[in-house]
Amino acid sequence: MILTLHSEPPKEGAKNTIEEKEKKSEGVDFIRFIENGNSALLQTASAKYTHEDGTKVELIGAVHIADKVYYEKLNEQFKQYDALLYEMVGGDPDKRLTKEDLQANKNNPMRFFQLLIGGMMKLDFQLDHVDYTAKNFIHADMTLETFQKRQKAKGENLLSLLEKSIKAQEAAASKNKNNFDFVSMFKLLNDEGGPNGMKLALGRQFHDIESMIGGMEGPDGSVLVAERNIKALKVMDREIKSGKKNLGIFYGAAHLPDFDKRLTKELGFKRSGTDWNAAWKIQKAASKNATKKPNGSQNKDS
């Protein structure tokens, strides 16, 4: 997916507090980037929903490369649910995942790309740390065969989705004077330094993810997001009918706006609260404008 970046980070002293971000994140936001002069956080939502029949559902957003501690904390969180529904195209939905299945799933080209980017930013890969063999984990995604058949039927492929995404971003960029250019990107990477510079550059554009996915989806929805979400909700319905009352749905954060609409507008759930999980913790590089005293020590900005 092509993502729009903004060339100008918030200025030192600008109001960009956690409290302000939280106010902006009320409603249907499921991923946010919080930044101050010294550090930054990329956070994903755990959004809670309740039904009048007593059923509780929590949408747990994921990023597929993150700090190891992010996945460790999620593993602890997952233990509280009667059923934890997870995304993973492929495999046999009637059989519990094994370590061999997970290893095979990591060998496809997209996983290789994620591992490559994760290595550049010194982040860990989701499949290496989430315990998919836990007893309450339930596959809630399409088989590879079904996914490919549905994409073929809709004339959908990675290129067509990218084209839709680019058009949506071009429309958004025409309204945004600070749209991304490569000169500013390389300047940022140089100024901020290495992996942290890359994380800052990418993190700053995550606030546009909902509009980008919306543009990619189109009015009928894509197989990549909408139809896989419908599949997951069918699995959820099956589990609820079996007597489970406390469920989690662990999917990429880009899926959550569509899940939210289906839960609240079609299935009678009400949103009851949101917690935030820190996926990336970024320490910014020291200012290059700091001057050195004659004895070699540095002056700190006041």
Protein backbone atom coordinates (compact mmCIF):
# COMPACT_ATOMS: atom_id res chain seq x y z
CA MET A 1 0.00 0.00 0.00
CA ILE A 2 1.31 3.47 -0.88
CA LEU A 3 1.03 5.88 2.03
CA THR A 4 1.03 9.69 2.09
CA LEU A 5 3.66 11.35 4.24
CA HIS A 6 3.76 14.93 5.46
CA SER A 7 6.91 16.90 4.87
CA GLU A 8 6.74 19.07 8.00
CA PRO A 9 6.74 17.50 11.48
CA PRO A 10 5.14 19.48 14.33
CA LYS A 11 7.27 22.42 15.41
CA GLU A 12 8.93 22.48 18.80
CA GLY A 13 6.51 23.96 21.32
CA ALA A 14 3.45 23.28 19.16
CA LYS A 15 0.45 21.87 20.99
CA ASN A 16 0.58 18.16 20.29
CA THR A 17 -0.18 16.66 23.68
CA ILE A 18 -1.50 13.22 24.50
CA GLU A 19 -4.71 14.83 25.79
CA GLU A 20 -5.34 16.57 22.47
CA LYS A 21 -4.64 13.38 20.55
CA GLU A 22 -7.07 11.48 22.75
CA LYS A 23 -9.80 14.02 22.03
CA LYS A 24 -9.20 13.66 18.29
CA SER A 25 -9.20 9.87 18.63
CA GLU A 26 -12.69 9.71 20.12
CA GLY A 27 -15.11 8.08 17.70
CA VAL A 28 -13.82 5.67 15.09
CA ASP A 29 -10.03 6.11 15.06
CA PHE A 30 -8.09 2.90 15.65
CA ILE A 31 -4.49 3.97 15.17
CA ARG A 32 -2.73 7.16 16.19
CA PHE A 33 0.71 8.77 16.30
CA ILE A 34 1.60 10.92 19.31
CA GLU A 35 4.70 13.08 19.12
CA ASN A 36 6.52 15.65 21.24
CA GLY A 37 9.97 17.22 21.06
CA ASN A 38 11.82 14.23 22.48
CA SER A 39 9.87 11.09 21.61
CA ALA A 40 6.93 9.61 19.73
CA LEU A 41 4.46 6.72 20.01
CA LEU A 42 2.53 4.72 17.44
CA GLN A 43 -0.50 3.25 19.18
CA THR A 44 -3.23 0.82 18.13
CA ALA A 45 -6.68 0.61 19.68
CA SER A 46 -8.43 -2.06 21.68
CA ALA A 47 -12.03 -0.92 21.18
CA LYS A 48 -14.74 -2.44 23.39
CA TYR A 49 -18.32 -3.16 22.31
CA THR A 50 -21.30 -4.46 24.23
CA HIS A 51 -24.64 -5.96 23.17
CA GLU A 52 -27.90 -5.85 25.11
CA ASP A 53 -27.78 -9.67 25.35
CA GLY A 54 -24.58 -9.38 27.45
CA THR A 55 -22.09 -10.26 24.71
CA LYS A 56 -18.81 -8.34 24.76
CA VAL A 57 -16.55 -7.94 21.73
CA GLU A 58 -13.18 -6.19 21.62
CA LEU A 59 -11.56 -5.12 18.35
CA ILE A 60 -7.79 -5.36 18.83
CA GLY A 61 -5.87 -3.51 16.13
CA ALA A 62 -2.51 -4.85 15.03
CA VAL A 63 0.54 -3.61 13.19
CA HIS A 64 2.54 -6.47 11.75
CA ILE A 65 5.97 -5.16 12.72
CA ALA A 66 6.39 -3.60 16.17
CA ASP A 67 8.40 -3.58 19.38
CA LYS A 68 8.64 -7.05 20.91
CA VAL A 69 7.05 -5.87 24.18
CA TYR A 70 3.92 -4.86 22.22
CA TYR A 71 3.28 -8.48 21.25
CA GLU A 72 4.19 -9.73 24.72
CA LYS A 73 1.53 -7.49 26.27
CA LEU A 74 -1.02 -8.55 23.65
CA ASN A 75 -0.37 -12.22 24.46
CA GLU A 76 -1.31 -11.47 28.06
CA GLN A 77 -4.39 -9.53 26.98
CA PHE A 78 -5.57 -12.38 24.74
CA LYS A 79 -5.87 -14.74 27.72
CA GLN A 80 -8.98 -12.94 29.00
CA TYR A 81 -11.24 -13.85 26.05
CA ASP A 82 -13.46 -16.92 25.67
CA ALA A 83 -12.42 -16.82 22.01
CA LEU A 84 -9.77 -14.77 20.20
CA LEU A 85 -10.54 -14.57 16.48
CA TYR A 86 -7.50 -13.90 14.31
CA GLU A 87 -6.68 -13.04 10.70
CA MET A 88 -4.51 -15.22 8.49
CA VAL A 89 -5.32 -15.94 4.87
CA GLY A 90 -4.63 -19.62 4.21
CA GLY A 91 -4.39 -22.74 6.29
CA ASP A 92 -7.20 -25.03 7.41
CA PRO A 93 -9.79 -23.18 9.52
CA ASP A 94 -10.90 -26.49 11.09
CA LYS A 95 -7.44 -27.32 12.46
CA ARG A 96 -5.47 -25.58 15.18
CA LEU A 97 -2.28 -23.88 14.02
CA THR A 98 1.03 -25.60 14.70
CA LYS A 99 4.53 -24.12 14.81
CA GLU A 100 5.14 -25.72 11.39
CA ASP A 101 2.10 -23.90 9.96
CA LEU A 102 3.40 -20.60 11.27
CA GLN A 103 6.82 -21.21 9.76
CA ALA A 104 5.28 -22.00 6.36
CA ASN A 105 3.17 -18.84 6.53
CA LYS A 106 6.30 -16.72 7.08
CA ASN A 107 7.82 -17.89 3.80
CA ASN A 108 5.55 -15.97 1.38
CA PRO A 109 6.87 -12.83 -0.42
CA MET A 110 4.76 -10.37 1.60
CA ARG A 111 6.13 -11.74 4.86
CA PHE A 112 9.66 -11.43 3.46
CA PHE A 113 8.97 -7.76 2.70
CA GLN A 114 7.62 -7.18 6.22
CA LEU A 115 10.66 -8.85 7.75
CA LEU A 116 12.95 -6.73 5.60
CA ILE A 117 11.29 -3.46 6.59
CA GLY A 118 11.10 -4.59 10.21
CA GLY A 119 14.82 -5.33 10.22
CA MET A 120 15.62 -1.88 8.82
CA MET A 121 13.60 -0.24 11.60
CA LYS A 122 14.76 -2.67 14.31
CA LEU A 123 11.21 -3.93 14.89
CA ASP A 124 9.95 -7.47 15.45
CA PHE A 125 7.56 -9.49 13.29
CA GLN A 126 4.11 -10.41 14.56
CA LEU A 127 4.24 -14.12 13.67
CA ASP A 128 7.45 -14.53 15.67
CA HIS A 129 5.91 -13.44 18.95
CA VAL A 130 2.11 -13.85 19.02
CA ASP A 131 1.15 -17.27 20.43
CA TYR A 132 -1.25 -18.49 17.74
CA THR A 133 -1.25 -21.97 19.29
CA ALA A 134 -3.15 -20.76 22.39
CA LYS A 135 -6.29 -22.78 23.12
CA ASN A 136 -8.71 -19.85 22.73
CA PHE A 137 -7.31 -18.79 19.32
CA ILE A 138 -9.77 -19.36 16.45
CA HIS A 139 -9.03 -18.88 12.76
CA ALA A 140 -11.46 -16.28 11.38
CA ASP A 141 -10.23 -15.63 7.87
CA MET A 142 -10.52 -17.00 4.34
CA THR A 143 -8.67 -19.99 3.05
CA LEU A 144 -6.15 -19.13 0.34
CA GLU A 145 -8.32 -20.87 -2.26
CA THR A 146 -11.41 -18.85 -1.34
CA PHE A 147 -9.44 -15.61 -1.20
CA GLN A 148 -8.01 -16.14 -4.68
CA LYS A 149 -11.40 -17.15 -6.13
CA ARG A 150 -13.11 -14.08 -4.72
CA GLN A 151 -10.38 -11.74 -5.99
CA LYS A 152 -10.62 -13.28 -9.45
CA ALA A 153 -14.42 -12.95 -9.45
CA LYS A 154 -14.16 -9.24 -8.57
CA GLY A 155 -11.21 -8.55 -10.87
CA GLU A 156 -9.20 -7.51 -7.84
CA ASN A 157 -5.46 -7.76 -7.43
CA LEU A 158 -2.68 -5.89 -5.67
CA LEU A 159 -2.17 -3.53 -8.63
CA SER A 160 -5.85 -2.57 -8.87
CA LEU A 161 -5.98 -1.90 -5.12
CA LEU A 162 -2.84 0.23 -5.29
CA GLU A 163 -4.34 2.25 -8.15
CA LYS A 164 -7.46 2.96 -6.10
CA SER A 165 -5.36 3.87 -3.09
CA ILE A 166 -3.14 6.23 -5.10
CA LYS A 167 -6.17 8.01 -6.60
CA ALA A 168 -7.67 8.48 -3.15
CA GLN A 169 -4.38 9.86 -1.83
CA GLU A 170 -3.95 12.19 -4.80
CA ALA A 171 -7.38 13.62 -4.09
CA ALA A 172 -6.45 14.09 -0.43
CA ALA A 173 -3.04 15.55 -1.31
CA SER A 174 -4.66 18.21 -3.49
CA LYS A 175 -6.21 19.56 -0.29
CA ASN A 176 -3.02 19.26 1.72
CA LYS A 177 -0.23 21.79 1.21
CA ASN A 178 2.28 19.71 3.15
CA ASN A 179 2.13 16.58 1.02
CA PHE A 180 5.19 14.38 0.88
CA ASP A 181 8.19 14.72 -1.44
CA PHE A 182 11.39 12.65 -1.59
CA VAL A 183 13.69 15.55 -0.73
CA SER A 184 11.95 16.08 2.60
CA MET A 185 11.95 12.32 3.22
CA PHE A 186 15.72 11.99 2.82
CA LYS A 187 16.26 15.12 4.91
CA LEU A 188 14.15 13.61 7.69
CA LEU A 189 16.00 10.30 7.61
CA ASN A 190 19.33 12.12 7.78
CA ASP A 191 18.25 14.53 10.55
CA GLU A 192 16.56 11.95 12.75
CA GLY A 193 18.99 9.14 12.05
CA GLY A 194 18.55 5.56 10.79
CA PRO A 195 15.77 3.30 12.11
CA ASN A 196 14.17 5.98 14.29
CA GLY A 197 14.04 8.34 11.32
CA MET A 198 12.22 5.71 9.27
CA LYS A 199 9.75 5.07 12.11
CA LEU A 200 9.06 8.79 12.47
CA ALA A 201 8.54 9.18 8.73
CA LEU A 202 6.09 6.29 8.55
CA GLY A 203 4.38 6.95 11.87
CA ARG A 204 3.43 10.50 10.92
CA GLN A 205 1.25 9.29 8.06
CA PHE A 206 -0.78 6.68 9.93
CA HIS A 207 -3.51 9.20 10.79
CA ASP A 208 -4.57 9.02 7.11
CA ILE A 209 -5.01 5.24 7.11
CA GLU A 210 -8.82 5.23 7.35
CA SER A 211 -9.28 7.56 4.36
CA MET A 212 -6.74 5.55 2.34
CA ILE A 213 -8.49 2.27 3.05
CA GLY A 214 -11.84 3.87 2.26
CA GLY A 215 -10.55 4.99 -1.11
CA MET A 216 -9.09 1.57 -1.83
CA GLU A 217 -12.29 -0.21 -0.80
CA GLY A 218 -14.68 1.67 -3.05
CA PRO A 219 -18.49 1.50 -2.68
CA ASP A 220 -18.69 -2.31 -2.93
CA GLY A 221 -15.81 -3.14 -0.60
CA SER A 222 -12.73 -5.18 -1.42
CA VAL A 223 -12.00 -8.85 -0.83
CA LEU A 224 -8.84 -7.78 1.00
CA VAL A 225 -10.76 -5.95 3.74
CA ALA A 226 -14.57 -6.02 3.57
CA GLU A 227 -15.13 -9.64 2.54
CA ARG A 228 -12.56 -10.97 5.00
CA ASN A 229 -14.24 -8.94 7.74
CA ILE A 230 -17.61 -10.47 6.83
CA LYS A 231 -16.03 -13.90 7.10
CA ALA A 232 -14.64 -13.05 10.56
CA LEU A 233 -18.04 -11.84 11.78
CA LYS A 234 -19.65 -15.07 10.62
CA VAL A 235 -17.12 -16.95 12.75
CA MET A 236 -17.92 -14.59 15.62
CA ASP A 237 -21.64 -15.35 15.26
CA ARG A 238 -20.91 -19.08 15.32
CA GLU A 239 -18.86 -18.73 18.51
CA ILE A 240 -21.52 -16.60 20.21
CA LYS A 241 -24.17 -19.18 19.35
CA SER A 242 -21.96 -21.83 20.95
CA GLY A 243 -22.24 -19.93 24.23
CA LYS A 244 -19.19 -17.63 24.26
CA LYS A 245 -19.86 -14.15 25.62
CA ASN A 246 -16.45 -12.45 25.75
CA LEU A 247 -14.67 -12.35 22.40
CA GLY A 248 -11.69 -10.57 20.87
CA ILE A 249 -11.08 -9.94 17.16
CA PHE A 250 -7.38 -9.49 16.38
CA TYR A 251 -6.97 -8.00 12.90
CA GLY A 252 -4.79 -5.39 11.24
CA ALA A 253 -5.76 -1.88 12.36
CA ALA A 254 -6.83 -1.02 8.80
CA HIS A 255 -9.70 -3.53 9.12
CA LEU A 256 -11.17 -1.99 12.26
CA PRO A 257 -13.16 0.96 10.81
CA ASP A 258 -15.16 -1.50 8.68
CA PHE A 259 -15.62 -3.86 11.65
CA ASP A 260 -16.85 -0.90 13.73
CA LYS A 261 -19.52 0.01 11.19
CA ARG A 262 -20.75 -3.56 10.88
CA LEU A 263 -20.88 -4.12 14.64
CA THR A 264 -22.69 -0.88 15.42
CA LYS A 265 -24.92 -0.41 12.37
CA GLU A 266 -25.78 -4.00 11.48
CA LEU A 267 -25.33 -6.15 14.58
CA GLY A 268 -26.65 -3.98 17.39
CA PHE A 269 -23.43 -3.45 19.37
CA LYS A 270 -22.56 -0.20 21.14
CA ARG A 271 -19.04 1.06 21.60
CA SER A 272 -18.22 1.26 25.31
CA GLY A 273 -14.58 2.35 25.52
CA THR A 274 -11.07 2.22 24.08
CA ASP A 275 -7.63 1.32 25.41
CA TRP A 276 -4.42 2.08 23.53
CA ASN A 277 -1.43 -0.23 22.99
CA ALA A 278 2.01 1.21 22.19
CA ALA A 279 3.37 -0.54 19.08
CA TRP A 280 6.38 1.71 18.46
CA LYS A 281 8.24 3.75 21.08
CA ILE A 282 10.61 6.16 19.37
CA GLN A 283 13.34 8.22 20.99
CA LYS A 284 14.27 11.15 18.80
CA ALA A 285 17.86 11.96 17.94
CA ALA A 286 19.55 14.81 19.83
CA SER A 287 19.47 18.13 18.07
CA LYS A 288 22.33 18.66 15.63
CA ASN A 289 22.28 22.34 16.51
CA ALA A 290 23.76 21.67 19.94
CA THR A 291 27.11 23.43 20.32
CA LYS A 292 30.13 22.06 22.10
CA LYS A 293 31.96 23.84 24.91
CA PRO A 294 35.75 24.07 24.73
CA ASN A 295 36.11 21.15 27.16
CA GLY A 296 34.03 18.95 24.82
CA SER A 297 30.76 19.03 26.76
CA GLN A 298 27.57 20.16 25.03
CA ASN A 299 25.26 23.05 25.78
CA LYS A 300 21.64 21.96 26.30
CA ASP A 301 18.78 23.93 24.85
CA SER A 302 16.95 25.84 27.53
